[in-house]
Structures are given as C-alpha cells and as structure tokens.
C-alpha atoms as a PDB file:
ATOM      1  CA  UNK A   1       0.000   0.000   0.000  1.00  0.00           C
ATOM      2  CA  UNK A   2       1.191   3.549  -0.602  1.00  0.00           C
ATOM      3  CA  UNK A   3       0.055   7.166  -0.806  1.00  0.00           C
ATOM      4  CA  UNK A   4       1.994   9.561  -3.019  1.00  0.00           C
ATOM      5  CA  UNK A   5       1.014  13.216  -3.300  1.00  0.00           C
ATOM      6  CA  UNK A   6       3.312  15.386  -5.388  1.00  0.00           C
ATOM      7  CA  UNK A   7       2.564  18.513  -7.438  1.00  0.00           C
ATOM      8  CA  UNK A   8      -0.509  17.720  -9.581  1.00  0.00           C
ATOM      9  CA  UNK A   9      -0.927  14.036  -8.784  1.00  0.00           C
ATOM     10  CA  UNK A  10      -2.323  12.108  -5.826  1.00  0.00           C
ATOM     11  CA  UNK A  11      -1.847   8.356  -6.310  1.00  0.00           C
ATOM     12  CA  UNK A  12      -2.642   5.687  -3.734  1.00  0.00           C
ATOM     13  CA  UNK A  13      -2.963   1.944  -3.271  1.00  0.00           C
ATOM     14  CA  UNK A  14      -5.551   1.474  -0.528  1.00  0.00           C
ATOM     15  CA  UNK A  15      -6.969  -1.402   1.487  1.00  0.00           C
ATOM     16  CA  UNK A  16      -9.874  -1.169   3.929  1.00  0.00           C
ATOM     17  CA  UNK A  17     -10.711  -4.227   5.956  1.00  0.00           C
ATOM     18  CA  UNK A  18     -13.886  -5.577   7.538  1.00  0.00           C
ATOM     19  CA  UNK A  19     -15.021  -2.201   8.846  1.00  0.00           C
ATOM     20  CA  UNK A  20     -17.697   0.349   8.230  1.00  0.00           C
ATOM     21  CA  UNK A  21     -16.574   2.511   5.281  1.00  0.00           C
ATOM     22  CA  UNK A  22     -15.354   5.960   6.250  1.00  0.00           C
ATOM     23  CA  UNK A  23     -16.456   9.274   4.786  1.00  0.00           C
ATOM     24  CA  UNK A  24     -13.940   8.685   1.972  1.00  0.00           C
ATOM     25  CA  UNK A  25     -16.544   6.441   0.369  1.00  0.00           C
ATOM     26  CA  UNK A  26     -19.354   8.972   0.412  1.00  0.00           C
ATOM     27  CA  UNK A  27     -20.470  11.161  -2.445  1.00  0.00           C
ATOM     28  CA  UNK A  28     -18.131  13.804  -3.776  1.00  0.00           C
ATOM     29  CA  UNK A  29     -17.149  15.768  -6.853  1.00  0.00           C
ATOM     30  CA  UNK A  30     -13.956  17.692  -7.462  1.00  0.00           C
ATOM     31  CA  UNK A  31     -11.977  19.725  -9.983  1.00  0.00           C
ATOM     32  CA  UNK A  32      -9.572  16.959 -11.036  1.00  0.00           C
ATOM     33  CA  UNK A  33      -9.771  13.575 -12.725  1.00  0.00           C
ATOM     34  CA  UNK A  34     -10.008  10.396 -10.671  1.00  0.00           C
ATOM     35  CA  UNK A  35      -9.291   6.881 -11.895  1.00  0.00           C
ATOM     36  CA  UNK A  36     -10.204   3.868  -9.774  1.00  0.00           C
ATOM     37  CA  UNK A  37      -8.984   0.315 -10.349  1.00  0.00           C
ATOM     38  CA  UNK A  38     -10.713  -2.333  -8.221  1.00  0.00           C
ATOM     39  CA  UNK A  39      -8.449  -5.096  -6.926  1.00  0.00           C
ATOM     40  CA  UNK A  40     -11.073  -6.745  -4.712  1.00  0.00           C
ATOM     41  CA  UNK A  41     -14.241  -5.900  -2.844  1.00  0.00           C
ATOM     42  CA  UNK A  42     -18.012  -5.775  -3.108  1.00  0.00           C
ATOM     43  CA  UNK A  43     -19.035  -2.331  -4.276  1.00  0.00           C
ATOM     44  CA  UNK A  44     -21.765  -0.649  -6.281  1.00  0.00           C
ATOM     45  CA  UNK A  45     -20.356   2.500  -7.830  1.00  0.00           C
ATOM     46  CA  UNK A  46     -22.420   5.483  -8.947  1.00  0.00           C
ATOM     47  CA  UNK A  47     -21.225   8.114 -11.427  1.00  0.00           C
ATOM     48  CA  UNK A  48     -23.859  10.778 -11.996  1.00  0.00           C
ATOM     49  CA  UNK A  49     -27.057   8.871 -12.953  1.00  0.00           C
ATOM     50  CA  UNK A  50     -25.395   5.490 -13.631  1.00  0.00           C
ATOM     51  CA  UNK A  51     -24.653   2.696 -11.155  1.00  0.00           C
ATOM     52  CA  UNK A  52     -22.738  -0.544 -11.655  1.00  0.00           C
ATOM     53  CA  UNK A  53     -21.718  -3.476  -9.464  1.00  0.00           C
ATOM     54  CA  UNK A  54     -17.959  -3.610 -10.003  1.00  0.00           C
ATOM     55  CA  UNK A  55     -15.921  -6.742 -10.626  1.00  0.00           C
ATOM     56  CA  UNK A  56     -12.256  -7.128  -9.716  1.00  0.00           C
ATOM     57  CA  UNK A  57     -10.046  -5.722 -12.459  1.00  0.00           C
ATOM     58  CA  UNK A  58     -12.489  -3.063 -13.651  1.00  0.00           C
ATOM     59  CA  UNK A  59     -11.526   0.560 -14.140  1.00  0.00           C
ATOM     60  CA  UNK A  60     -13.608   3.710 -13.567  1.00  0.00           C
ATOM     61  CA  UNK A  61     -12.775   7.212 -14.731  1.00  0.00           C
ATOM     62  CA  UNK A  62     -14.422  10.295 -13.232  1.00  0.00           C
ATOM     63  CA  UNK A  63     -13.970  13.636 -15.006  1.00  0.00           C
ATOM     64  CA  UNK A  64     -13.884  16.938 -13.105  1.00  0.00           C
ATOM     65  CA  UNK A  65     -17.336  17.913 -11.855  1.00  0.00           C
ATOM     66  CA  UNK A  66     -18.831  14.403 -11.961  1.00  0.00           C
ATOM     67  CA  UNK A  67     -20.589  13.360  -8.760  1.00  0.00           C
ATOM     68  CA  UNK A  68     -19.462   9.856  -7.796  1.00  0.00           C
ATOM     69  CA  UNK A  69     -19.555   7.553  -4.805  1.00  0.00           C
ATOM     70  CA  UNK A  70     -19.292   3.904  -3.880  1.00  0.00           C
ATOM     71  CA  UNK A  71     -21.713   1.866  -1.813  1.00  0.00           C
ATOM     72  CA  UNK A  72     -19.350  -0.585  -0.162  1.00  0.00           C
ATOM     73  CA  UNK A  73     -20.067  -3.883   1.571  1.00  0.00           C
ATOM     74  CA  UNK A  74     -18.159  -3.412   4.860  1.00  0.00           C
ATOM     75  CA  UNK A  75     -17.962  -7.169   5.434  1.00  0.00           C
ATOM     76  CA  UNK A  76     -15.444  -7.661   2.619  1.00  0.00           C
ATOM     77  CA  UNK A  77     -11.943  -6.173   2.206  1.00  0.00           C
ATOM     78  CA  UNK A  78     -11.962  -3.279  -0.247  1.00  0.00           C
ATOM     79  CA  UNK A  79      -8.680  -2.890  -2.139  1.00  0.00           C
ATOM     80  CA  UNK A  80      -8.185  -0.427  -4.977  1.00  0.00           C
ATOM     81  CA  UNK A  81      -5.793   1.952  -6.688  1.00  0.00           C
ATOM     82  CA  UNK A  82      -6.982   5.558  -6.806  1.00  0.00           C
ATOM     83  CA  UNK A  83      -5.199   7.937  -9.179  1.00  0.00           C
ATOM     84  CA  UNK A  84      -6.157  11.610  -8.917  1.00  0.00           C
ATOM     85  CA  UNK A  85      -4.616  14.044 -11.366  1.00  0.00           C
ATOM     86  CA  UNK A  86      -5.079  17.510 -12.821  1.00  0.00           C
ATOM     87  CA  UNK A  87      -6.216  17.776 -16.425  1.00  0.00           C
ATOM     88  CA  UNK A  88      -3.321  20.150 -17.078  1.00  0.00           C
ATOM     89  CA  UNK A  89      -0.718  17.356 -16.881  1.00  0.00           C
ATOM     90  CA  UNK A  90      -2.131  15.560 -19.936  1.00  0.00           C
ATOM     91  CA  UNK A  91      -1.774  16.465 -23.620  1.00  0.00           C
ATOM     92  CA  UNK A  92      -4.892  17.802 -25.317  1.00  0.00           C
ATOM     93  CA  UNK A  93      -5.340  14.777 -27.582  1.00  0.00           C
ATOM     94  CA  UNK A  94      -5.455  12.435 -24.587  1.00  0.00           C
ATOM     95  CA  UNK A  95      -7.961  14.599 -22.721  1.00  0.00           C
ATOM     96  CA  UNK A  96     -10.273  14.473 -25.741  1.00  0.00           C
ATOM     97  CA  UNK A  97     -10.007  10.669 -25.831  1.00  0.00           C
ATOM     98  CA  UNK A  98     -10.959  10.203 -22.181  1.00  0.00           C
ATOM     99  CA  UNK A  99     -13.406  13.072 -21.565  1.00  0.00           C
ATOM    100  CA  UNK A 100     -16.542  10.932 -21.982  1.00  0.00           C
ATOM    101  CA  UNK A 101     -15.308   7.724 -20.360  1.00  0.00           C
ATOM    102  CA  UNK A 102     -16.784   6.474 -17.074  1.00  0.00           C
ATOM    103  CA  UNK A 103     -17.231   2.721 -16.690  1.00  0.00           C
ATOM    104  CA  UNK A 104     -14.222   1.445 -18.628  1.00  0.00           C
ATOM    105  CA  UNK A 105     -14.444  -2.294 -17.954  1.00  0.00           C
ATOM    106  CA  UNK A 106     -11.434  -4.581 -17.600  1.00  0.00           C
ATOM    107  CA  UNK A 107      -8.225  -3.945 -19.537  1.00  0.00           C
ATOM    108  CA  UNK A 108      -5.817  -6.740 -20.377  1.00  0.00           C
ATOM    109  CA  UNK A 109      -2.701  -6.847 -18.185  1.00  0.00           C
ATOM    110  CA  UNK A 110      -4.046  -3.978 -16.097  1.00  0.00           C
ATOM    111  CA  UNK A 111      -2.974  -5.620 -12.822  1.00  0.00           C
ATOM    112  CA  UNK A 112       0.656  -5.511 -13.934  1.00  0.00           C
ATOM    113  CA  UNK A 113       0.371  -1.828 -14.871  1.00  0.00           C
ATOM    114  CA  UNK A 114      -0.985  -0.874 -11.477  1.00  0.00           C
ATOM    115  CA  UNK A 115       1.418  -3.064  -9.523  1.00  0.00           C
ATOM    116  CA  UNK A 116       4.211  -1.201 -11.305  1.00  0.00           C
ATOM    117  CA  UNK A 117       3.141   1.850  -9.274  1.00  0.00           C
ATOM    118  CA  UNK A 118       3.976  -0.014  -6.052  1.00  0.00           C
ATOM    119  CA  UNK A 119       7.464  -0.807  -7.366  1.00  0.00           C
ATOM    120  CA  UNK A 120       8.004   2.824  -8.400  1.00  0.00           C
ATOM    121  CA  UNK A 121       6.961   4.048  -4.968  1.00  0.00           C
ATOM    122  CA  UNK A 122       9.299   1.617  -3.200  1.00  0.00           C
ATOM    123  CA  UNK A 123      12.413   2.169  -5.311  1.00  0.00           C
ATOM    124  CA  UNK A 124      12.635   5.854  -6.271  1.00  0.00           C
ATOM    125  CA  UNK A 125      12.724   9.338  -4.768  1.00  0.00           C
ATOM    126  CA  UNK A 126       9.867  11.826  -5.124  1.00  0.00           C
ATOM    127  CA  UNK A 127      11.023  13.519  -8.333  1.00  0.00           C
ATOM    128  CA  UNK A 128      11.711  10.157  -9.975  1.00  0.00           C
ATOM    129  CA  UNK A 129       8.391   8.793  -8.702  1.00  0.00           C
ATOM    130  CA  UNK A 130       6.554  11.749 -10.166  1.00  0.00           C
ATOM    131  CA  UNK A 131       7.984  11.262 -13.665  1.00  0.00           C
ATOM    132  CA  UNK A 132       7.629   7.493 -13.663  1.00  0.00           C
ATOM    133  CA  UNK A 133       4.084   7.549 -12.286  1.00  0.00           C
ATOM    134  CA  UNK A 134       3.066  10.137 -14.875  1.00  0.00           C
ATOM    135  CA  UNK A 135       4.433   7.859 -17.576  1.00  0.00           C
ATOM    136  CA  UNK A 136       2.492   4.942 -16.085  1.00  0.00           C
ATOM    137  CA  UNK A 137      -0.682   7.049 -15.958  1.00  0.00           C
ATOM    138  CA  UNK A 138      -0.404   7.953 -19.654  1.00  0.00           C
ATOM    139  CA  UNK A 139       0.181   4.296 -20.515  1.00  0.00           C
ATOM    140  CA  UNK A 140      -2.872   3.248 -18.488  1.00  0.00           C
ATOM    141  CA  UNK A 141      -5.110   5.920 -20.038  1.00  0.00           C
ATOM    142  CA  UNK A 142      -4.073   5.020 -23.574  1.00  0.00           C
ATOM    143  CA  UNK A 143      -4.837   1.365 -22.863  1.00  0.00           C
ATOM    144  CA  UNK A 144      -8.197   2.393 -21.366  1.00  0.00           C
ATOM    145  CA  UNK A 145      -9.420   4.452 -24.317  1.00  0.00           C
ATOM    146  CA  UNK A 146      -8.210   1.819 -26.801  1.00  0.00           C
ATOM    147  CA  UNK A 147      -9.861  -0.931 -24.761  1.00  0.00           C
ATOM    148  CA  UNK A 148     -11.647  -3.585 -26.822  1.00  0.00           C
ATOM    149  CA  UNK A 149     -13.571  -5.142 -23.914  1.00  0.00           C
ATOM    150  CA  UNK A 150     -15.443  -2.290 -22.156  1.00  0.00           C
ATOM    151  CA  UNK A 151     -18.104  -2.797 -19.516  1.00  0.00           C
ATOM    152  CA  UNK A 152     -21.268  -4.358 -20.915  1.00  0.00           C
ATOM    153  CA  UNK A 153     -23.869  -1.598 -21.111  1.00  0.00           C
ATOM    154  CA  UNK A 154     -26.612  -3.885 -19.810  1.00  0.00           C
ATOM    155  CA  UNK A 155     -24.759  -4.191 -16.512  1.00  0.00           C
ATOM    156  CA  UNK A 156     -25.067  -0.460 -15.889  1.00  0.00           C
ATOM    157  CA  UNK A 157     -28.257   0.816 -14.310  1.00  0.00           C
ATOM    158  CA  UNK A 158     -29.184   4.276 -15.542  1.00  0.00           C
ATOM    159  CA  UNK A 159     -31.777   6.161 -13.483  1.00  0.00           C
ATOM    160  CA  UNK A 160     -33.798   7.888 -16.216  1.00  0.00           C
ATOM    161  CA  UNK A 161     -35.219  10.577 -13.914  1.00  0.00           C
ATOM    162  CA  UNK A 162     -31.820  11.502 -12.464  1.00  0.00           C
ATOM    163  CA  UNK A 163     -30.304  11.432 -15.957  1.00  0.00           C
ATOM    164  CA  UNK A 164     -32.938  13.911 -17.159  1.00  0.00           C
ATOM    165  CA  UNK A 165     -32.334  16.227 -14.206  1.00  0.00           C
ATOM    166  CA  UNK A 166     -28.533  16.154 -14.489  1.00  0.00           C
ATOM    167  CA  UNK A 167     -28.702  16.694 -18.255  1.00  0.00           C
ATOM    168  CA  UNK A 168     -30.885  19.754 -17.676  1.00  0.00           C
ATOM    169  CA  UNK A 169     -28.515  21.121 -15.030  1.00  0.00           C
ATOM    170  CA  UNK A 170     -25.406  20.608 -17.171  1.00  0.00           C
ATOM    171  CA  UNK A 171     -27.095  22.335 -20.119  1.00  0.00           C
ATOM    172  CA  UNK A 172     -27.980  25.359 -17.977  1.00  0.00           C
ATOM    173  CA  UNK A 173     -24.899  25.873 -15.811  1.00  0.00           C
ATOM    174  CA  UNK A 174     -24.336  29.346 -17.193  1.00  0.00           C
ATOM    175  CA  UNK A 175     -27.556  30.793 -15.826  1.00  0.00           C
ATOM    176  CA  UNK A 176     -29.227  30.910 -12.434  1.00  0.00           C
ATOM    177  CA  UNK A 177     -31.064  27.631 -11.814  1.00  0.00           C
ATOM    178  CA  UNK A 178     -33.762  27.274  -9.176  1.00  0.00           C
ATOM    179  CA  UNK A 179     -35.687  24.225  -8.081  1.00  0.00           C
ATOM    180  CA  UNK A 180     -38.787  25.881  -9.531  1.00  0.00           C
ATOM    181  CA  UNK A 181     -37.029  26.133 -12.932  1.00  0.00           C
ATOM    182  CA  UNK A 182     -36.318  22.408 -12.963  1.00  0.00           C
ATOM    183  CA  UNK A 183     -39.852  21.540 -11.891  1.00  0.00           C
ATOM    184  CA  UNK A 184     -41.479  23.800 -14.473  1.00  0.00           C
ATOM    185  CA  UNK A 185     -39.285  22.731 -17.376  1.00  0.00           C
ATOM    186  CA  UNK A 186     -39.235  18.993 -16.601  1.00  0.00           C
ATOM    187  CA  UNK A 187     -42.809  18.806 -15.251  1.00  0.00           C
ATOM    188  CA  UNK A 188     -42.029  17.266 -11.852  1.00  0.00           C
ATOM    189  CA  UNK A 189     -43.145  18.428  -8.428  1.00  0.00           C
ATOM    190  CA  UNK A 190     -40.651  20.062  -6.076  1.00  0.00           C
ATOM    191  CA  UNK A 191     -41.135  17.365  -3.458  1.00  0.00           C
ATOM    192  CA  UNK A 192     -40.565  14.583  -5.995  1.00  0.00           C
ATOM    193  CA  UNK A 193     -37.379  16.069  -7.433  1.00  0.00           C
ATOM    194  CA  UNK A 194     -35.995  16.887  -3.987  1.00  0.00           C
ATOM    195  CA  UNK A 195     -36.657  13.453  -2.517  1.00  0.00           C
ATOM    196  CA  UNK A 196     -35.679  11.431  -5.609  1.00  0.00           C
ATOM    197  CA  UNK A 197     -32.451  13.349  -6.188  1.00  0.00           C
ATOM    198  CA  UNK A 198     -31.358  13.209  -2.548  1.00  0.00           C
ATOM    199  CA  UNK A 199     -32.167   9.494  -2.332  1.00  0.00           C
ATOM    200  CA  UNK A 200     -30.239   8.535  -5.459  1.00  0.00           C
ATOM    201  CA  UNK A 201     -27.383  11.056  -5.413  1.00  0.00           C
ATOM    202  CA  UNK A 202     -26.925  11.353  -1.632  1.00  0.00           C
ATOM    203  CA  UNK A 203     -26.922  15.143  -1.834  1.00  0.00           C
ATOM    204  CA  UNK A 204     -29.573  17.885  -2.263  1.00  0.00           C
ATOM    205  CA  UNK A 205     -30.141  19.012  -5.834  1.00  0.00           C
ATOM    206  CA  UNK A 206     -29.268  22.653  -5.110  1.00  0.00           C
ATOM    207  CA  UNK A 207     -25.990  21.612  -3.473  1.00  0.00           C
ATOM    208  CA  UNK A 208     -25.207  19.571  -6.580  1.00  0.00           C
ATOM    209  CA  UNK A 209     -25.895  22.588  -8.795  1.00  0.00           C
ATOM    210  CA  UNK A 210     -23.720  24.888  -6.708  1.00  0.00           C
ATOM    211  CA  UNK A 211     -20.765  22.470  -6.806  1.00  0.00           C
ATOM    212  CA  UNK A 212     -21.163  21.952 -10.554  1.00  0.00           C
ATOM    213  CA  UNK A 213     -21.127  25.699 -11.198  1.00  0.00           C
ATOM    214  CA  UNK A 214     -18.111  26.388  -8.987  1.00  0.00           C
ATOM    215  CA  UNK A 215     -16.029  23.556 -10.472  1.00  0.00           C
ATOM    216  CA  UNK A 216     -16.860  24.717 -14.010  1.00  0.00           C
ATOM    217  CA  UNK A 217     -15.938  28.285 -13.022  1.00  0.00           C
ATOM    218  CA  UNK A 218     -12.691  27.049 -11.473  1.00  0.00           C
ATOM    219  CA  UNK A 219     -11.662  25.406 -14.737  1.00  0.00           C
ATOM    220  CA  UNK A 220     -12.480  28.614 -16.624  1.00  0.00           C
ATOM    221  CA  UNK A 221     -10.417  30.724 -14.212  1.00  0.00           C
ATOM    222  CA  UNK A 222      -7.489  28.299 -14.479  1.00  0.00           C
ATOM    223  CA  UNK A 223      -7.270  29.152 -18.181  1.00  0.00           C
ATOM    224  CA  UNK A 224      -6.298  32.654 -17.042  1.00  0.00           C
ATOM    225  CA  UNK A 225      -8.063  34.534 -19.834  1.00  0.00           C
ATOM    226  CA  UNK A 226     -11.130  35.981 -18.101  1.00  0.00           C
ATOM    227  CA  UNK A 227     -11.739  38.466 -15.269  1.00  0.00           C
ATOM    228  CA  UNK A 228     -12.922  36.826 -12.048  1.00  0.00           C
ATOM    229  CA  UNK A 229     -16.043  38.959 -11.859  1.00  0.00           C
ATOM    230  CA  UNK A 230     -16.920  38.039 -15.455  1.00  0.00           C
ATOM    231  CA  UNK A 231     -16.573  34.317 -14.656  1.00  0.00           C
ATOM    232  CA  UNK A 232     -18.825  34.720 -11.617  1.00  0.00           C
ATOM    233  CA  UNK A 233     -21.471  36.421 -13.725  1.00  0.00           C
ATOM    234  CA  UNK A 234     -21.089  33.883 -16.540  1.00  0.00           C
ATOM    235  CA  UNK A 235     -22.023  31.045 -14.183  1.00  0.00           C
ATOM    236  CA  UNK A 236     -25.040  32.778 -12.677  1.00  0.00           C
ATOM    237  CA  UNK A 237     -23.585  34.558  -9.626  1.00  0.00           C
ATOM    238  CA  UNK A 238     -24.662  38.210  -9.910  1.00  0.00           C
ATOM    239  CA  UNK A 239     -23.047  38.997  -6.539  1.00  0.00           C
ATOM    240  CA  UNK A 240     -19.271  38.416  -6.585  1.00  0.00           C
ATOM    241  CA  UNK A 241     -19.182  38.080  -2.791  1.00  0.00           C
ATOM    242  CA  UNK A 242     -21.513  35.050  -3.003  1.00  0.00           C
ATOM    243  CA  UNK A 243     -19.350  33.517  -5.729  1.00  0.00           C
ATOM    244  CA  UNK A 244     -16.162  34.163  -3.728  1.00  0.00           C
ATOM    245  CA  UNK A 245     -17.572  32.618  -0.565  1.00  0.00           C
ATOM    246  CA  UNK A 246     -18.813  29.476  -2.321  1.00  0.00           C
ATOM    247  CA  UNK A 247     -15.650  29.147  -4.393  1.00  0.00           C
ATOM    248  CA  UNK A 248     -13.386  29.256  -1.373  1.00  0.00           C
ATOM    249  CA  UNK A 249     -15.545  26.733   0.487  1.00  0.00           C
ATOM    250  CA  UNK A 250     -15.717  24.224  -2.398  1.00  0.00           C
ATOM    251  CA  UNK A 251     -12.296  24.607  -4.040  1.00  0.00           C
ATOM    252  CA  UNK A 252     -10.413  25.314  -0.819  1.00  0.00           C
ATOM    253  CA  UNK A 253      -8.811  28.631  -1.756  1.00  0.00           C
ATOM    254  CA  UNK A 254      -9.860  31.988  -3.266  1.00  0.00           C
ATOM    255  CA  UNK A 255     -10.545  32.382  -7.007  1.00  0.00           C
ATOM    256  CA  UNK A 256      -7.455  34.550  -7.648  1.00  0.00           C
ATOM    257  CA  UNK A 257      -5.193  31.653  -6.611  1.00  0.00           C
ATOM    258  CA  UNK A 258      -6.528  29.528  -9.477  1.00  0.00           C
ATOM    259  CA  UNK A 259      -5.160  31.755 -12.200  1.00  0.00           C
ATOM    260  CA  UNK A 260      -2.180  30.348 -14.126  1.00  0.00           C
END
C-alpha cells in the first residue's frame, strides 16, 4: 500500500478491511480527474445517474465535476488503486479521448500496470516517482481508451429521472437555476425532485448545482483569460461576494489563486 502526493498528482494503493466505510466512500465531486482500479471488494459504484456493481479488475474514470460515490459492503476487504490528477498534466489529444469515459471495464494486463506503481513508490525518490508515475498514468489511459472489452452496457443501471435532471442542469450551468425552474421545465413536483435526487445522489439538488457551477468556473479561471467577476457572472452569480464565498468553500482557496 502507498500514498503519493506530489505537485498535480495524488496516487494511492488502498486497502480497507472488515469495517464500516469511512467518509472517503461517500459522495463527492472535485476539480480533477479520478481513476479507480478495483483489486477486490463488493461495491456498487455510482457516477452521476449510472450505477454498476464492479468486478475485480475493472476501471472507472471520473472527469472533473462528476458526482461519484461507492456503496461498499463493509464485510469484505476493499482494495483499490486511486489515481487523482489535474487535467493540465495531460496532452490535449489524450484529454479528448478520455473526456466521456466512465465505466471502462477490464483492460488486459491492467494488474501488472498498477502493480508497477507499487514498485516505483518503493524504489525511487519523489522527483523520480513523479515522472515514472506520470508515464504509467499515460500508458494506463491510452490502454483504457483503446480498450476492446469495455463494460457491458446492460450491466449499468441508468436512473432515467436523475439522468434527465442532471442533463438539464449541465445544459444550464451558465444561468441561475432554481428548483422551480427544474420543476417547471421537466414537469415534476418540487417534493418529488428533492426526494428522488437526494435518495439517489446522496446530496440535495441545489448543493449539486452549486458544486457543478463552482467547479466549471474554477476550470475557466485556471485558463487565465477571463476576469474573475466576469466568470462569476457567466455562471449565474450576480453577486461576486456570493461567488467568492462558495468558491473558497468548495475549491479550498480563493478564485485569484486559481489563475495560471
């Protein structure tokens, strides 16, 4: 097992035993990519509106701003590799290849590729680890997007109601969105949307919207080409103070620190 955090990568080989899963397993979304490789365990994994029971050897890929969480059976050991990395470390062509991937299935010889990370961690210093692990990540991602045996679509449960709601939210991130807007445009009651979304996604719909907007704004600011106040307004925050407060809470630091 290892945990390696250096510059723009956070790679780990983790094992949790016969215990109740910690908060690490609960729902979250963030501004970086996350790749998960399951070694062993009983887990149903949700990415946005889709849920799948994972098998050992399968790979998941979560893009920035995607809500994801695992429902873990605490009676079984849960071992996995978790690779978190900033989009900025990858070439543009590779980002385009992986941007729509989620449930990636099993990739031939994947176990050997991930076990190589353990050997790198054990035998090199931090700067060497960083370069070698980046090379391993690129190799893994290329194998993933060229994979010929992806997850069978029939094994993935897609909640049609949640899919409709999330599609609406993603299409309207650049304007103020209220619960009333969603209800009126999708023809659901407020109580139904609130209860169904919270039950399936483990978070209130308005919290989901706020996180989506802030993460999208963060990526825009990181490009360094737009005034902060203009980004706030672009994503439906007429008051910059409200944008600033939410940004700092969700991202962890003020908007000006995100500029390149």
